[in-house]
Amino acid sequence: MSAIPTQEMRDARRDFDKYDLVCDHLLVVDRDAHDEDGQPLVVGTYRLTREKDAARAGGFYTSSEYDLSRMLAGLDPETKYLELGRSCILKSYRARPGTMQLLWKGLMAYVARFDIDLMFGCASLSGTDVEQLALPLSYLHHFHPMPADLRVRARPELSVEMNRVPAGAIDAREGLRSLPPLLKGYVRAGCCIGEGAVIDRQFGTTDVFIYFPLSGIDARYKSRFGLVK
């Protein structure tokens, strides 16, 4: 992905925003490798934002692209939810399945510790040409929609139509194969997708909304990553 950093980010040689100061950061570290400062090398990250953290930042990051009001209003008041964001694996470690597995194990441990019921956030497809992304967008739209009564929609001024190929013209296996690894993992584990995509030109991506109730996670994933919830 080809992110366009601000000058401040260029100077710091780091991607950051206001949410980083209030959320939790899940890291995978290779202690046998070191960065240019001699510190153990960070090879995988997740940014985890709970409701209390979002309140300190003026809302969830996802709300800058999607209207969360219907979903939040429709949830049981006791529901504990977690925003997932900034998932990233160092390029040279992406072919190593253990890195993603460690991130997921850490995420499931976090979910269990804070008794989370629902995860949500934005997931990205590389590129901003939606015609080239017609298959994955249409596949997600037709085969993995959120429940209608809770369905999150992209903000009208940002929304891009996902329904670009008729459902009958899509081979589900091809659709799944067209997804990037992280989004493919989410779908296989049981997540659903909101309505409308959003083009993020700063990061060179097309984003979709993911809705991930813990009760809906595939039993194989619960067993594999140690989730007892």
C-alpha atoms as a PDB file:
ATOM      1  CA  MET A   1       0.000   0.000   0.000  1.00  0.00           C
ATOM      2  CA  SER A   2       1.263   3.465  -0.834  1.00  0.00           C
ATOM      3  CA  ALA A   3       0.514   5.779   2.064  1.00  0.00           C
ATOM      4  CA  ILE A   4       1.180   9.490   1.614  1.00  0.00           C
ATOM      5  CA  PRO A   5       2.640  10.813   4.888  1.00  0.00           C
ATOM      6  CA  THR A   6       2.166  14.325   6.183  1.00  0.00           C
ATOM      7  CA  GLN A   7       5.299  16.432   6.608  1.00  0.00           C
ATOM      8  CA  GLU A   8       5.139  15.818  10.351  1.00  0.00           C
ATOM      9  CA  MET A   9       5.077  12.069   9.721  1.00  0.00           C
ATOM     10  CA  ARG A  10       7.985  12.386   7.296  1.00  0.00           C
ATOM     11  CA  ASP A  11      10.016  14.225   9.916  1.00  0.00           C
ATOM     12  CA  ALA A  12       9.242  11.603  12.562  1.00  0.00           C
ATOM     13  CA  ARG A  13       9.514   8.720  10.064  1.00  0.00           C
ATOM     14  CA  ARG A  14       6.405   7.308  11.648  1.00  0.00           C
ATOM     15  CA  ASP A  15       2.667   7.028  10.977  1.00  0.00           C
ATOM     16  CA  PHE A  16       0.595   8.451  13.829  1.00  0.00           C
ATOM     17  CA  ASP A  17      -2.608  10.277  14.707  1.00  0.00           C
ATOM     18  CA  LYS A  18      -4.531  11.430  17.780  1.00  0.00           C
ATOM     19  CA  TYR A  19      -5.887   7.956  18.523  1.00  0.00           C
ATOM     20  CA  ASP A  20      -2.450   6.507  19.181  1.00  0.00           C
ATOM     21  CA  LEU A  21      -2.209   8.366  22.484  1.00  0.00           C
ATOM     22  CA  VAL A  22      -5.391   6.912  23.982  1.00  0.00           C
ATOM     23  CA  CYS A  23      -5.687   3.370  22.608  1.00  0.00           C
ATOM     24  CA  ASP A  24      -3.856   0.114  23.290  1.00  0.00           C
ATOM     25  CA  HIS A  25      -1.225  -1.196  20.886  1.00  0.00           C
ATOM     26  CA  LEU A  26      -0.744  -4.906  20.299  1.00  0.00           C
ATOM     27  CA  LEU A  27       2.762  -5.707  19.044  1.00  0.00           C
ATOM     28  CA  VAL A  28       4.582  -8.738  17.716  1.00  0.00           C
ATOM     29  CA  VAL A  29       8.315  -8.352  18.361  1.00  0.00           C
ATOM     30  CA  ASP A  30      11.210 -10.365  16.943  1.00  0.00           C
ATOM     31  CA  ARG A  31      13.746 -10.238  19.767  1.00  0.00           C
ATOM     32  CA  ASP A  32      16.390 -11.864  17.592  1.00  0.00           C
ATOM     33  CA  ALA A  33      16.299  -8.923  15.156  1.00  0.00           C
ATOM     34  CA  HIS A  34      16.845  -5.228  15.843  1.00  0.00           C
ATOM     35  CA  ASP A  35      15.872  -1.904  14.325  1.00  0.00           C
ATOM     36  CA  GLU A  36      18.237   0.955  13.500  1.00  0.00           C
ATOM     37  CA  ASP A  37      18.127   2.117  17.125  1.00  0.00           C
ATOM     38  CA  GLY A  38      19.180  -1.289  18.393  1.00  0.00           C
ATOM     39  CA  GLN A  39      15.743  -2.103  19.793  1.00  0.00           C
ATOM     40  CA  PRO A  40      14.004  -5.469  19.244  1.00  0.00           C
ATOM     41  CA  LEU A  41      12.258  -5.320  15.867  1.00  0.00           C
ATOM     42  CA  VAL A  42       8.498  -4.709  15.825  1.00  0.00           C
ATOM     43  CA  VAL A  43       7.149  -6.893  13.009  1.00  0.00           C
ATOM     44  CA  GLY A  44       3.381  -6.765  13.559  1.00  0.00           C
ATOM     45  CA  THR A  45       0.883  -4.315  15.032  1.00  0.00           C
ATOM     46  CA  TYR A  46      -2.792  -3.828  15.871  1.00  0.00           C
ATOM     47  CA  ARG A  47      -4.388  -0.706  17.301  1.00  0.00           C
ATOM     48  CA  LEU A  48      -7.169  -1.547  19.756  1.00  0.00           C
ATOM     49  CA  THR A  49      -9.674   1.092  20.827  1.00  0.00           C
ATOM     50  CA  ARG A  50     -12.317   0.488  23.474  1.00  0.00           C
ATOM     51  CA  GLU A  51     -15.308   2.725  24.100  1.00  0.00           C
ATOM     52  CA  LYS A  52     -13.626   4.592  26.951  1.00  0.00           C
ATOM     53  CA  ASP A  53     -10.603   5.291  24.739  1.00  0.00           C
ATOM     54  CA  ALA A  54     -12.730   6.567  21.862  1.00  0.00           C
ATOM     55  CA  ALA A  55     -14.526   8.945  24.222  1.00  0.00           C
ATOM     56  CA  ARG A  56     -11.184  10.565  25.055  1.00  0.00           C
ATOM     57  CA  ALA A  57     -10.393  11.001  21.351  1.00  0.00           C
ATOM     58  CA  GLY A  58     -13.787  12.413  20.379  1.00  0.00           C
ATOM     59  CA  GLY A  59     -15.112   9.208  18.817  1.00  0.00           C
ATOM     60  CA  PHE A  60     -13.920   6.140  16.960  1.00  0.00           C
ATOM     61  CA  TYR A  61     -11.597   6.466  13.979  1.00  0.00           C
ATOM     62  CA  THR A  62     -14.051   4.392  11.929  1.00  0.00           C
ATOM     63  CA  SER A  63     -16.732   7.057  12.353  1.00  0.00           C
ATOM     64  CA  SER A  64     -14.732   9.334  10.048  1.00  0.00           C
ATOM     65  CA  GLU A  65     -15.705   6.989   7.206  1.00  0.00           C
ATOM     66  CA  TYR A  66     -18.839   5.204   8.429  1.00  0.00           C
ATOM     67  CA  ASP A  67     -22.002   6.182  10.290  1.00  0.00           C
ATOM     68  CA  LEU A  68     -22.011   3.921  13.347  1.00  0.00           C
ATOM     69  CA  SER A  69     -25.239   5.250  14.854  1.00  0.00           C
ATOM     70  CA  ARG A  70     -27.571   2.463  13.684  1.00  0.00           C
ATOM     71  CA  MET A  71     -25.269  -0.275  14.936  1.00  0.00           C
ATOM     72  CA  LEU A  72     -24.558   1.335  18.286  1.00  0.00           C
ATOM     73  CA  ALA A  73     -28.231   2.153  18.877  1.00  0.00           C
ATOM     74  CA  GLY A  74     -29.233  -1.421  18.084  1.00  0.00           C
ATOM     75  CA  LEU A  75     -26.782  -3.109  20.428  1.00  0.00           C
ATOM     76  CA  ASP A  76     -27.680  -4.259  23.907  1.00  0.00           C
ATOM     77  CA  PRO A  77     -26.561  -1.515  26.340  1.00  0.00           C
ATOM     78  CA  GLU A  78     -24.301  -4.032  28.077  1.00  0.00           C
ATOM     79  CA  THR A  79     -22.402  -4.877  24.883  1.00  0.00           C
ATOM     80  CA  LYS A  80     -18.662  -4.293  25.130  1.00  0.00           C
ATOM     81  CA  TYR A  81     -17.124  -3.428  21.792  1.00  0.00           C
ATOM     82  CA  LEU A  82     -13.647  -2.947  20.404  1.00  0.00           C
ATOM     83  CA  GLU A  83     -12.441  -1.095  17.318  1.00  0.00           C
ATOM     84  CA  LEU A  84      -9.674  -2.796  15.341  1.00  0.00           C
ATOM     85  CA  GLY A  85      -7.308  -0.661  13.316  1.00  0.00           C
ATOM     86  CA  ARG A  86      -3.838  -0.137  11.869  1.00  0.00           C
ATOM     87  CA  SER A  87      -3.184  -3.833  11.429  1.00  0.00           C
ATOM     88  CA  CYS A  88       0.224  -4.098   9.805  1.00  0.00           C
ATOM     89  CA  ILE A  89       2.938  -6.710   9.309  1.00  0.00           C
ATOM     90  CA  LEU A  90       6.475  -5.812   8.259  1.00  0.00           C
ATOM     91  CA  LYS A  91       6.816  -6.699   4.577  1.00  0.00           C
ATOM     92  CA  SER A  92       9.631  -9.192   5.063  1.00  0.00           C
ATOM     93  CA  TYR A  93       7.523 -11.060   7.645  1.00  0.00           C
ATOM     94  CA  ARG A  94       4.256 -11.279   5.687  1.00  0.00           C
ATOM     95  CA  ALA A  95       5.110 -14.653   4.183  1.00  0.00           C
ATOM     96  CA  ARG A  96       5.661 -16.073   7.667  1.00  0.00           C
ATOM     97  CA  PRO A  97       2.289 -17.396   8.908  1.00  0.00           C
ATOM     98  CA  GLY A  98       3.444 -17.258  12.508  1.00  0.00           C
ATOM     99  CA  THR A  99       3.358 -13.455  12.569  1.00  0.00           C
ATOM    100  CA  MET A 100      -0.350 -13.203  11.785  1.00  0.00           C
ATOM    101  CA  GLN A 101      -1.108 -16.088  14.123  1.00  0.00           C
ATOM    102  CA  LEU A 102       0.659 -14.320  16.985  1.00  0.00           C
ATOM    103  CA  LEU A 103      -1.348 -11.154  16.315  1.00  0.00           C
ATOM    104  CA  TRP A 104      -4.586 -13.142  16.400  1.00  0.00           C
ATOM    105  CA  LYS A 105      -3.596 -14.974  19.566  1.00  0.00           C
ATOM    106  CA  GLY A 106      -2.772 -11.671  21.204  1.00  0.00           C
ATOM    107  CA  LEU A 107      -6.052 -10.191  20.003  1.00  0.00           C
ATOM    108  CA  MET A 108      -8.058 -13.109  21.407  1.00  0.00           C
ATOM    109  CA  ALA A 109      -6.241 -12.814  24.743  1.00  0.00           C
ATOM    110  CA  TYR A 110      -7.121  -9.102  24.825  1.00  0.00           C
ATOM    111  CA  VAL A 111     -10.750  -9.839  23.965  1.00  0.00           C
ATOM    112  CA  ALA A 112     -10.960 -12.393  26.778  1.00  0.00           C
ATOM    113  CA  ARG A 113      -9.288 -10.101  29.303  1.00  0.00           C
ATOM    114  CA  PHE A 114     -11.719  -7.239  28.704  1.00  0.00           C
ATOM    115  CA  ASP A 115     -14.767  -9.438  28.034  1.00  0.00           C
ATOM    116  CA  ILE A 116     -15.338  -7.970  24.561  1.00  0.00           C
ATOM    117  CA  ASP A 117     -18.555  -8.966  22.747  1.00  0.00           C
ATOM    118  CA  LEU A 118     -18.058  -7.250  19.394  1.00  0.00           C
ATOM    119  CA  MET A 119     -15.157  -6.148  17.228  1.00  0.00           C
ATOM    120  CA  PHE A 120     -15.485  -3.728  14.332  1.00  0.00           C
ATOM    121  CA  GLY A 121     -13.430  -1.382  12.189  1.00  0.00           C
ATOM    122  CA  CYS A 122     -12.173  -0.736   8.685  1.00  0.00           C
ATOM    123  CA  ALA A 123     -10.331  -3.287   6.571  1.00  0.00           C
ATOM    124  CA  SER A 124      -8.505  -2.289   3.429  1.00  0.00           C
ATOM    125  CA  LEU A 125      -8.158  -3.463  -0.137  1.00  0.00           C
ATOM    126  CA  SER A 126      -5.018  -2.204  -1.846  1.00  0.00           C
ATOM    127  CA  GLY A 127      -5.727   0.357  -4.567  1.00  0.00           C
ATOM    128  CA  THR A 128      -8.305   3.052  -5.272  1.00  0.00           C
ATOM    129  CA  ASP A 129      -9.620   1.921  -8.677  1.00  0.00           C
ATOM    130  CA  VAL A 130     -12.959   0.371  -7.733  1.00  0.00           C
ATOM    131  CA  GLU A 131     -13.416  -1.147 -11.183  1.00  0.00           C
ATOM    132  CA  GLN A 132     -10.299  -3.227 -10.604  1.00  0.00           C
ATOM    133  CA  LEU A 133     -11.710  -4.163  -7.197  1.00  0.00           C
ATOM    134  CA  ALA A 134     -15.150  -5.067  -8.568  1.00  0.00           C
ATOM    135  CA  LEU A 135     -14.879  -8.769  -7.694  1.00  0.00           C
ATOM    136  CA  PRO A 136     -13.810  -8.517  -4.035  1.00  0.00           C
ATOM    137  CA  LEU A 137     -16.187  -5.617  -3.337  1.00  0.00           C
ATOM    138  CA  SER A 138     -19.145  -7.371  -4.954  1.00  0.00           C
ATOM    139  CA  TYR A 139     -18.313 -10.677  -3.288  1.00  0.00           C
ATOM    140  CA  LEU A 140     -18.285  -9.053   0.157  1.00  0.00           C
ATOM    141  CA  HIS A 141     -21.503  -7.161  -0.599  1.00  0.00           C
ATOM    142  CA  HIS A 142     -23.466 -10.210  -1.732  1.00  0.00           C
ATOM    143  CA  PHE A 143     -22.046 -13.010   0.387  1.00  0.00           C
ATOM    144  CA  HIS A 144     -21.186 -11.391   3.735  1.00  0.00           C
ATOM    145  CA  PRO A 145     -23.610  -8.522   4.504  1.00  0.00           C
ATOM    146  CA  MET A 146     -24.221  -7.282   8.038  1.00  0.00           C
ATOM    147  CA  PRO A 147     -27.625  -7.941   9.630  1.00  0.00           C
ATOM    148  CA  ALA A 148     -30.056  -5.444   8.089  1.00  0.00           C
ATOM    149  CA  ASP A 149     -31.214  -3.987  11.413  1.00  0.00           C
ATOM    150  CA  LEU A 150     -27.659  -3.084  12.454  1.00  0.00           C
ATOM    151  CA  ARG A 151     -26.112  -2.440   9.052  1.00  0.00           C
ATOM    152  CA  VAL A 152     -23.512   0.300   9.082  1.00  0.00           C
ATOM    153  CA  ARG A 153     -23.350   2.512   6.000  1.00  0.00           C
ATOM    154  CA  ALA A 154     -20.516   4.569   4.593  1.00  0.00           C
ATOM    155  CA  ARG A 155     -20.955   8.304   5.031  1.00  0.00           C
ATOM    156  CA  PRO A 156     -22.944   9.565   2.009  1.00  0.00           C
ATOM    157  CA  GLU A 157     -20.268  11.978   0.842  1.00  0.00           C
ATOM    158  CA  LEU A 158     -17.663   9.184   0.865  1.00  0.00           C
ATOM    159  CA  SER A 159     -19.689   6.123  -0.114  1.00  0.00           C
ATOM    160  CA  VAL A 160     -18.686   4.041  -3.129  1.00  0.00           C
ATOM    161  CA  GLU A 161     -21.057   1.382  -4.460  1.00  0.00           C
ATOM    162  CA  MET A 162     -19.865  -2.155  -3.715  1.00  0.00           C
ATOM    163  CA  ASN A 163     -22.480  -3.953  -5.820  1.00  0.00           C
ATOM    164  CA  ARG A 164     -20.593  -3.930  -9.116  1.00  0.00           C
ATOM    165  CA  VAL A 165     -21.080  -7.541 -10.232  1.00  0.00           C
ATOM    166  CA  PRO A 166     -24.398  -9.466  -9.950  1.00  0.00           C
ATOM    167  CA  ALA A 167     -24.384 -12.157  -7.275  1.00  0.00           C
ATOM    168  CA  GLY A 168     -25.172 -14.842  -9.838  1.00  0.00           C
ATOM    169  CA  ALA A 169     -22.057 -13.988 -11.821  1.00  0.00           C
ATOM    170  CA  ILE A 170     -19.703 -14.493  -8.875  1.00  0.00           C
ATOM    171  CA  ASP A 171     -17.923 -17.733  -8.055  1.00  0.00           C
ATOM    172  CA  ALA A 172     -17.737 -17.653  -4.251  1.00  0.00           C
ATOM    173  CA  ARG A 173     -14.365 -19.396  -4.175  1.00  0.00           C
ATOM    174  CA  GLU A 174     -12.911 -16.901  -6.630  1.00  0.00           C
ATOM    175  CA  GLY A 175     -14.397 -14.063  -4.615  1.00  0.00           C
ATOM    176  CA  LEU A 176     -12.764 -15.309  -1.433  1.00  0.00           C
ATOM    177  CA  ARG A 177      -9.439 -15.784  -3.196  1.00  0.00           C
ATOM    178  CA  SER A 178      -9.555 -12.192  -4.432  1.00  0.00           C
ATOM    179  CA  LEU A 179      -9.389 -10.814  -0.877  1.00  0.00           C
ATOM    180  CA  PRO A 180      -6.151  -9.711   0.813  1.00  0.00           C
ATOM    181  CA  PRO A 181      -4.936 -12.092   3.560  1.00  0.00           C
ATOM    182  CA  LEU A 182      -6.226 -10.143   6.573  1.00  0.00           C
ATOM    183  CA  LEU A 183      -9.702  -9.572   5.141  1.00  0.00           C
ATOM    184  CA  LYS A 184      -9.838 -13.176   3.955  1.00  0.00           C
ATOM    185  CA  GLY A 185      -9.039 -14.280   7.500  1.00  0.00           C
ATOM    186  CA  TYR A 186     -11.791 -12.080   8.915  1.00  0.00           C
ATOM    187  CA  VAL A 187     -14.355 -13.513   6.502  1.00  0.00           C
ATOM    188  CA  ARG A 188     -13.327 -17.098   7.154  1.00  0.00           C
ATOM    189  CA  ALA A 189     -13.602 -16.474  10.882  1.00  0.00           C
ATOM    190  CA  GLY A 190     -17.161 -15.165  10.523  1.00  0.00           C
ATOM    191  CA  CYS A 191     -17.167 -11.382  10.097  1.00  0.00           C
ATOM    192  CA  CYS A 192     -19.811  -9.455   8.134  1.00  0.00           C
ATOM    193  CA  ILE A 193     -19.458  -6.352   5.986  1.00  0.00           C
ATOM    194  CA  GLY A 194     -21.203  -2.974   6.077  1.00  0.00           C
ATOM    195  CA  GLU A 195     -22.739  -1.144   3.140  1.00  0.00           C
ATOM    196  CA  GLY A 196     -20.578   0.997   0.885  1.00  0.00           C
ATOM    197  CA  ALA A 197     -16.828   1.253   0.469  1.00  0.00           C
ATOM    198  CA  VAL A 198     -14.677   4.321   1.125  1.00  0.00           C
ATOM    199  CA  ILE A 199     -11.605   5.354  -0.846  1.00  0.00           C
ATOM    200  CA  ASP A 200      -8.718   6.426   1.375  1.00  0.00           C
ATOM    201  CA  ARG A 201      -6.411   8.315  -0.964  1.00  0.00           C
ATOM    202  CA  GLN A 202      -3.840   9.068   1.725  1.00  0.00           C
ATOM    203  CA  PHE A 203      -3.215   5.353   2.195  1.00  0.00           C
ATOM    204  CA  GLY A 204      -3.964   4.312  -1.383  1.00  0.00           C
ATOM    205  CA  THR A 205      -6.674   1.886  -0.274  1.00  0.00           C
ATOM    206  CA  THR A 206     -10.358   1.150  -0.574  1.00  0.00           C
ATOM    207  CA  ASP A 207     -11.868   0.484   2.850  1.00  0.00           C
ATOM    208  CA  VAL A 208     -14.800  -1.665   3.919  1.00  0.00           C
ATOM    209  CA  PHE A 209     -16.507  -1.900   7.295  1.00  0.00           C
ATOM    210  CA  ILE A 210     -16.116  -5.128   9.260  1.00  0.00           C
ATOM    211  CA  TYR A 211     -18.623  -6.302  11.894  1.00  0.00           C
ATOM    212  CA  PHE A 212     -17.285  -9.126  14.015  1.00  0.00           C
ATOM    213  CA  PRO A 213     -19.439 -10.388  16.924  1.00  0.00           C
ATOM    214  CA  LEU A 214     -17.501 -12.801  19.096  1.00  0.00           C
ATOM    215  CA  SER A 215     -20.513 -15.101  19.214  1.00  0.00           C
ATOM    216  CA  GLY A 216     -20.215 -15.523  15.450  1.00  0.00           C
ATOM    217  CA  ILE A 217     -16.560 -16.557  15.300  1.00  0.00           C
ATOM    218  CA  ASP A 218     -16.087 -19.937  13.664  1.00  0.00           C
ATOM    219  CA  ALA A 219     -15.447 -22.648  16.273  1.00  0.00           C
ATOM    220  CA  ARG A 220     -12.225 -23.674  14.525  1.00  0.00           C
ATOM    221  CA  TYR A 221     -10.801 -20.201  15.038  1.00  0.00           C
ATOM    222  CA  LYS A 222     -11.892 -20.106  18.670  1.00  0.00           C
ATOM    223  CA  SER A 223     -10.071 -23.363  19.293  1.00  0.00           C
ATOM    224  CA  ARG A 224      -7.015 -22.405  17.265  1.00  0.00           C
ATOM    225  CA  PHE A 225      -6.458 -19.083  18.999  1.00  0.00           C
ATOM    226  CA  GLY A 226      -7.578 -20.040  22.487  1.00  0.00           C
ATOM    227  CA  LEU A 227     -10.797 -18.013  22.697  1.00  0.00           C
ATOM    228  CA  VAL A 228     -13.085 -19.407  25.393  1.00  0.00           C
ATOM    229  CA  LYS A 229     -15.756 -16.663  25.217  1.00  0.00           C
END
